[in-house]
Amino acid sequence: MHNRGIRMITAAVIAMAIALPAALPAEESEGATAAINEKAPDFSLAGIDGKTCKLSDFAGKYVVLEWNNFDCPFVKKHYGSGNMQALQKRYVDKGVVWLTICSSAPGKQGYYEPDALESMLAERKVACTAYLRDTDGSVGRLYGAKTTPHMFVISPEGVLVYAGAIDDKPSTNPADVKGASNYVVSCLNAAMSGKTVATRSTASYGCAVKYAD
């Protein structure tokens, strides 16, 4: 009975570890080529509207990359509270290009066909420039996207100036949005005002990106 109890506890611990959301720095992702203060790697992805979106087409503009999985509780925190949509609208209105990217593979959490995603975006009043599907995970791995959300900010010169968490409150509680220090806001406000970006890299938090096995 003693050995059986140990085996049961061990199995439970392993299951919990697998289920826990990831919170790892972008630079720890194997094969990632995106690096702070270096040229952001170009990519091309299809949007849910069928149009191809290429990063280099937005040269001369600030670009935000937001990794997304609508089924992730951390993503639900920011969308359910309206925080992410408010950020999207605020900066898109200022000329920033906001690309929301889903790297969930077919059959994995967060994967949806374009028609379903269109309805979900309308229901949530999403205000990003484009919602892009990265079903083979190539762009996510290129940038070292580890979690949802995972945020990246690219300057008009095409340089990666921020990578990491959206804010300093790594929880699923919508109440924590209020009073949080938002790293994306701080980065964009400083950079767009010609000031030095104080924080350029943080450990992202959220659900692990559901890449193909």
Protein backbone atom coordinates (compact mmCIF):
# COMPACT_ATOMS: atom_id res chain seq x y z
CA MET A 1 0.00 0.00 0.00
CA HIS A 2 2.89 2.32 0.83
CA ASN A 3 4.52 1.88 -2.61
CA ARG A 4 1.15 2.20 -4.35
CA GLY A 5 0.52 5.49 -2.53
CA ILE A 6 3.90 6.83 -3.60
CA ARG A 7 3.19 5.89 -7.22
CA MET A 8 -0.19 7.64 -7.09
CA ILE A 9 1.31 10.82 -5.62
CA THR A 10 4.12 10.80 -8.20
CA ALA A 11 1.64 10.43 -11.06
CA ALA A 12 -0.43 13.30 -9.68
CA VAL A 13 2.62 15.56 -9.43
CA ILE A 14 3.62 14.77 -13.01
CA ALA A 15 0.09 15.49 -14.25
CA MET A 16 0.07 18.83 -12.44
CA ALA A 17 3.44 19.78 -13.93
CA ILE A 18 2.19 19.04 -17.44
CA ALA A 19 -0.95 21.10 -16.88
CA LEU A 20 0.80 24.10 -15.37
CA PRO A 21 1.08 27.17 -17.62
CA ALA A 22 4.53 28.03 -18.88
CA ALA A 23 6.40 31.14 -17.81
CA LEU A 24 9.69 31.05 -19.67
CA PRO A 25 11.82 33.77 -21.27
CA ALA A 26 11.65 33.93 -25.08
CA GLU A 27 15.39 33.38 -25.44
CA GLU A 28 15.09 29.88 -23.98
CA SER A 29 13.16 28.60 -27.00
CA GLU A 30 15.22 26.26 -29.15
CA GLY A 31 15.75 27.52 -32.70
CA ALA A 32 14.51 31.05 -32.02
CA THR A 33 16.33 33.71 -34.03
CA ALA A 34 14.53 36.83 -32.78
CA ALA A 35 16.70 38.82 -30.39
CA ILE A 36 16.34 42.14 -28.60
CA ASN A 37 18.01 45.10 -30.36
CA GLU A 38 18.40 43.07 -33.55
CA LYS A 39 16.43 42.99 -36.79
CA ALA A 40 13.15 41.16 -36.28
CA PRO A 41 12.98 38.15 -38.62
CA ASP A 42 10.55 38.60 -41.48
CA PHE A 43 7.62 36.25 -41.91
CA SER A 44 4.50 35.75 -43.95
CA LEU A 45 1.22 34.33 -42.63
CA ALA A 46 -2.36 34.09 -43.88
CA GLY A 47 -5.01 35.98 -41.99
CA ILE A 48 -8.44 34.57 -41.27
CA ASP A 49 -9.71 36.87 -44.04
CA GLY A 50 -7.56 34.94 -46.51
CA LYS A 51 -5.13 37.79 -47.10
CA THR A 52 -1.41 37.18 -46.73
CA CYS A 53 0.32 39.38 -44.17
CA LYS A 54 4.07 39.97 -44.39
CA LEU A 55 5.97 41.70 -41.60
CA SER A 56 8.22 43.62 -43.99
CA ASP A 57 5.14 45.24 -45.55
CA PHE A 58 4.86 47.31 -42.36
CA ALA A 59 8.31 48.87 -42.51
CA GLY A 60 8.24 52.35 -41.01
CA LYS A 61 5.56 51.46 -38.44
CA TYR A 62 5.59 50.11 -34.94
CA VAL A 63 4.38 46.50 -34.90
CA VAL A 64 3.06 44.52 -31.94
CA LEU A 65 2.97 40.72 -32.13
CA GLU A 66 0.55 39.10 -29.68
CA TRP A 67 0.49 35.30 -29.34
CA ASN A 68 -3.05 34.14 -28.76
CA ASN A 69 -5.13 31.12 -27.73
CA PHE A 70 -8.72 32.06 -26.87
CA ASP A 71 -9.12 28.93 -24.71
CA CYS A 72 -6.20 29.83 -22.44
CA PRO A 73 -7.33 31.22 -19.04
CA PHE A 74 -4.58 33.84 -19.12
CA VAL A 75 -5.80 35.06 -22.51
CA LYS A 76 -9.37 34.98 -21.20
CA LYS A 77 -8.24 37.26 -18.37
CA HIS A 78 -7.10 39.95 -20.78
CA TYR A 79 -9.97 39.58 -23.26
CA GLY A 80 -12.72 38.98 -20.71
CA SER A 81 -11.75 42.18 -18.92
CA GLY A 82 -11.55 44.07 -22.23
CA ASN A 83 -7.91 44.92 -21.53
CA MET A 84 -6.42 43.46 -24.70
CA GLN A 85 -9.05 44.98 -26.99
CA ALA A 86 -8.57 48.40 -25.37
CA LEU A 87 -4.82 48.20 -25.94
CA GLN A 88 -5.31 47.11 -29.55
CA LYS A 89 -7.68 49.98 -30.29
CA ARG A 90 -5.57 52.59 -28.49
CA TYR A 91 -2.43 51.83 -30.45
CA VAL A 92 -3.97 50.91 -33.80
CA ASP A 93 -5.63 54.33 -33.67
CA LYS A 94 -2.12 55.78 -33.25
CA GLY A 95 -0.87 53.99 -36.38
CA VAL A 96 0.61 50.91 -34.71
CA VAL A 97 0.16 47.60 -36.54
CA TRP A 98 -1.13 44.95 -34.12
CA LEU A 99 -0.83 41.36 -35.33
CA THR A 100 -2.50 38.68 -33.23
CA ILE A 101 -1.04 35.25 -33.96
CA CYS A 102 -2.27 31.77 -33.05
CA SER A 103 0.30 28.96 -33.30
CA SER A 104 -2.01 26.21 -32.04
CA ALA A 105 -1.66 23.12 -34.20
CA PRO A 106 -4.69 21.24 -35.59
CA GLY A 107 -6.28 19.21 -32.82
CA LYS A 108 -4.68 21.30 -30.08
CA GLN A 109 -6.27 23.77 -27.68
CA GLY A 110 -6.92 27.12 -29.34
CA TYR A 111 -7.03 25.81 -32.90
CA TYR A 112 -10.06 27.00 -34.86
CA GLU A 113 -10.93 27.30 -38.51
CA PRO A 114 -11.20 30.84 -39.95
CA ASP A 115 -15.03 30.97 -39.89
CA ALA A 116 -15.11 30.13 -36.19
CA LEU A 117 -12.38 32.65 -35.45
CA GLU A 118 -14.24 35.39 -37.30
CA SER A 119 -17.22 34.85 -35.01
CA MET A 120 -15.01 34.80 -31.93
CA LEU A 121 -13.29 38.05 -32.92
CA ALA A 122 -16.64 39.73 -33.52
CA GLU A 123 -18.05 38.48 -30.22
CA ARG A 124 -15.02 39.74 -28.31
CA LYS A 125 -14.82 43.01 -30.28
CA VAL A 126 -11.17 42.34 -31.11
CA ALA A 127 -9.48 45.45 -32.56
CA CYS A 128 -6.19 44.05 -33.89
CA THR A 129 -4.95 44.87 -37.39
CA ALA A 130 -5.06 41.21 -38.41
CA TYR A 131 -5.54 37.79 -36.84
CA LEU A 132 -3.02 35.33 -38.28
CA ARG A 133 -2.86 31.52 -38.14
CA ASP A 134 0.53 29.87 -37.69
CA THR A 135 -0.67 26.28 -37.66
CA ASP A 136 2.74 24.71 -38.32
CA GLY A 137 4.30 26.82 -35.56
CA SER A 138 7.14 28.08 -37.75
CA VAL A 139 6.70 31.76 -36.88
CA GLY A 140 6.13 31.05 -33.21
CA ARG A 141 9.34 29.09 -33.02
CA LEU A 142 11.17 31.74 -35.04
CA TYR A 143 10.31 34.30 -32.38
CA GLY A 144 10.62 31.95 -29.42
CA ALA A 145 6.96 32.40 -28.47
CA LYS A 146 6.49 30.28 -25.38
CA THR A 147 3.16 31.32 -23.90
CA THR A 148 -0.21 32.86 -24.58
CA PRO A 149 -0.08 35.74 -24.34
CA HIS A 150 3.53 36.44 -25.37
CA MET A 151 4.20 39.96 -26.60
CA PHE A 152 6.77 41.44 -28.98
CA VAL A 153 7.25 45.05 -30.08
CA ILE A 154 9.09 45.95 -33.28
CA SER A 155 10.29 49.47 -34.10
CA PRO A 156 9.69 51.31 -37.40
CA GLU A 157 13.28 50.37 -38.29
CA GLY A 158 12.35 46.70 -37.96
CA VAL A 159 14.27 46.16 -34.70
CA LEU A 160 12.87 44.04 -31.88
CA VAL A 161 12.65 46.41 -28.90
CA TYR A 162 10.59 44.31 -26.46
CA ALA A 163 9.82 40.65 -25.87
CA GLY A 164 8.05 39.04 -22.95
CA ALA A 165 5.03 39.32 -20.68
CA ILE A 166 2.18 41.75 -21.24
CA ASP A 167 2.43 42.94 -17.62
CA ASP A 168 3.81 42.16 -14.17
CA LYS A 169 0.76 40.29 -12.81
CA PRO A 170 1.13 36.62 -13.85
CA SER A 171 -2.34 35.48 -12.84
CA THR A 172 -5.67 34.50 -14.39
CA ASN A 173 -7.62 36.96 -12.25
CA PRO A 174 -9.15 39.81 -14.32
CA ALA A 175 -9.04 42.03 -11.22
CA ASP A 176 -5.23 41.99 -11.47
CA VAL A 177 -5.33 43.93 -14.74
CA LYS A 178 -6.07 47.09 -12.79
CA GLY A 179 -2.90 48.36 -11.19
CA ALA A 180 -0.60 46.13 -13.23
CA SER A 181 2.49 47.62 -14.85
CA ASN A 182 1.96 46.96 -18.56
CA TYR A 183 5.29 46.39 -20.29
CA VAL A 184 3.86 46.81 -23.80
CA VAL A 185 2.31 50.16 -22.91
CA SER A 186 5.54 51.35 -21.27
CA CYS A 187 7.60 50.26 -24.29
CA LEU A 188 5.35 51.85 -26.90
CA ASN A 189 4.82 55.08 -24.99
CA ALA A 190 8.54 55.55 -24.39
CA ALA A 191 9.63 54.59 -27.90
CA MET A 192 6.96 56.67 -29.64
CA SER A 193 8.02 59.68 -27.53
CA GLY A 194 11.68 59.26 -28.45
CA LYS A 195 12.60 58.08 -24.96
CA THR A 196 14.65 55.09 -23.87
CA VAL A 197 12.70 51.87 -23.32
CA ALA A 198 13.43 50.92 -19.72
CA THR A 199 12.39 47.25 -19.88
CA ARG A 200 13.16 45.38 -23.07
CA SER A 201 12.85 41.76 -22.00
CA THR A 202 10.84 39.88 -19.37
CA ALA A 203 9.77 36.29 -18.75
CA SER A 204 6.42 35.74 -20.39
CA TYR A 205 3.60 34.06 -18.51
CA GLY A 206 0.54 32.11 -19.61
CA CYS A 207 -0.41 28.78 -21.15
CA ALA A 208 2.27 27.03 -23.16
CA VAL A 209 1.86 27.60 -26.92
CA LYS A 210 0.18 24.48 -28.32
CA TYR A 211 2.67 23.61 -31.03
CA ALA A 212 2.46 20.43 -33.09
CA ASP A 213 4.22 17.47 -31.45
